[in-house]
Every structure is written in structure tokens, then in C-alpha cells.
Amino acid sequence: MNKNTVLAWATFIMIIVGIGLIALGAFRYNDIAGWGFAAVGVGFFAIAWVFNALKGRV
């Protein structure tokens, strides 16, 4: 596996975890903790976007 493949897998895993955290915030925790889970999920999306942008440049 080269560095682009590693970044692609990291992006894919972070998107899956982000979707899971947003789903937990939306469906499992209806109180104020749900907002925290959703915010962390959006943060995972942002980091995955950066990893995707780094493919081919590192």
C-alpha cells in the first residue's frame, strides 16, 4: 500500500465514523449530548476532507 491508498482508507473510515456519530446524535441521544455527537461527526467529516485533499500531494 502506498501513501495515497493509506489516505484513501483513512478518509473512508473517517466518513463511516462521522456518519455513525451523527446518527448517534440524531437518533440515540435526544438531549444535549446529541448536539455534541453531531458536532464531533461534522469534525470527522472536516478531517476526512483534508485527508482527501492531501492525496497525491504528500
Protein backbone atom coordinates (compact mmCIF):
# COMPACT_ATOMS: atom_id res chain seq x y z
CA MET A 1 0.00 0.00 0.00
CA ASN A 2 1.35 3.39 -0.93
CA LYS A 3 0.62 6.66 0.84
CA ASN A 4 -2.34 7.54 -1.40
CA THR A 5 -4.01 4.22 -0.59
CA VAL A 6 -3.49 4.80 3.12
CA LEU A 7 -5.03 8.27 2.88
CA ALA A 8 -7.96 6.87 0.88
CA TRP A 9 -8.65 4.22 3.53
CA ALA A 10 -8.30 6.80 6.32
CA THR A 11 -10.78 9.06 4.51
CA PHE A 12 -13.24 6.21 4.06
CA ILE A 13 -13.01 5.11 7.71
CA MET A 14 -13.40 8.68 8.97
CA ILE A 15 -16.50 9.18 6.82
CA ILE A 16 -18.03 5.99 8.23
CA VAL A 17 -17.25 7.05 11.82
CA GLY A 18 -18.60 10.56 11.12
CA ILE A 19 -21.87 9.15 9.79
CA GLY A 20 -22.10 6.90 12.84
CA LEU A 21 -21.56 9.78 15.25
CA ILE A 22 -24.11 11.97 13.52
CA ALA A 23 -26.59 9.09 13.54
CA LEU A 24 -25.98 8.57 17.27
CA GLY A 25 -26.58 12.25 17.89
CA ALA A 26 -29.74 12.29 15.80
CA PHE A 27 -31.39 9.03 16.80
CA ARG A 28 -29.94 7.75 20.08
CA TYR A 29 -29.30 10.82 22.23
CA ASN A 30 -32.16 13.29 22.07
CA ASP A 31 -30.84 15.55 24.83
CA ILE A 32 -27.94 17.99 24.72
CA ALA A 33 -25.39 15.18 24.29
CA GLY A 34 -26.76 14.59 20.80
CA TRP A 35 -25.53 18.01 19.71
CA GLY A 36 -22.04 17.07 20.89
CA PHE A 37 -22.07 13.79 18.99
CA ALA A 38 -23.25 15.56 15.84
CA ALA A 39 -20.59 18.26 16.19
CA VAL A 40 -17.83 15.67 16.53
CA GLY A 41 -19.25 13.84 13.50
CA VAL A 42 -19.02 17.02 11.44
CA GLY A 43 -15.44 17.40 12.68
CA PHE A 44 -14.67 13.91 11.39
CA PHE A 45 -16.05 14.96 8.00
CA ALA A 46 -13.77 18.01 8.00
CA ILE A 47 -10.69 15.93 8.78
CA ALA A 48 -11.68 13.37 6.13
CA TRP A 49 -11.96 16.22 3.63
CA VAL A 50 -8.40 17.31 4.49
CA PHE A 51 -7.13 13.73 4.09
CA ASN A 52 -8.85 13.53 0.70
CA ALA A 53 -7.25 16.83 -0.34
CA LEU A 54 -3.79 15.54 0.67
CA LYS A 55 -3.98 12.54 -1.67
CA GLY A 56 -1.36 12.98 -4.39
CA ARG A 57 0.36 15.86 -2.60
CA VAL A 58 2.19 14.10 0.22
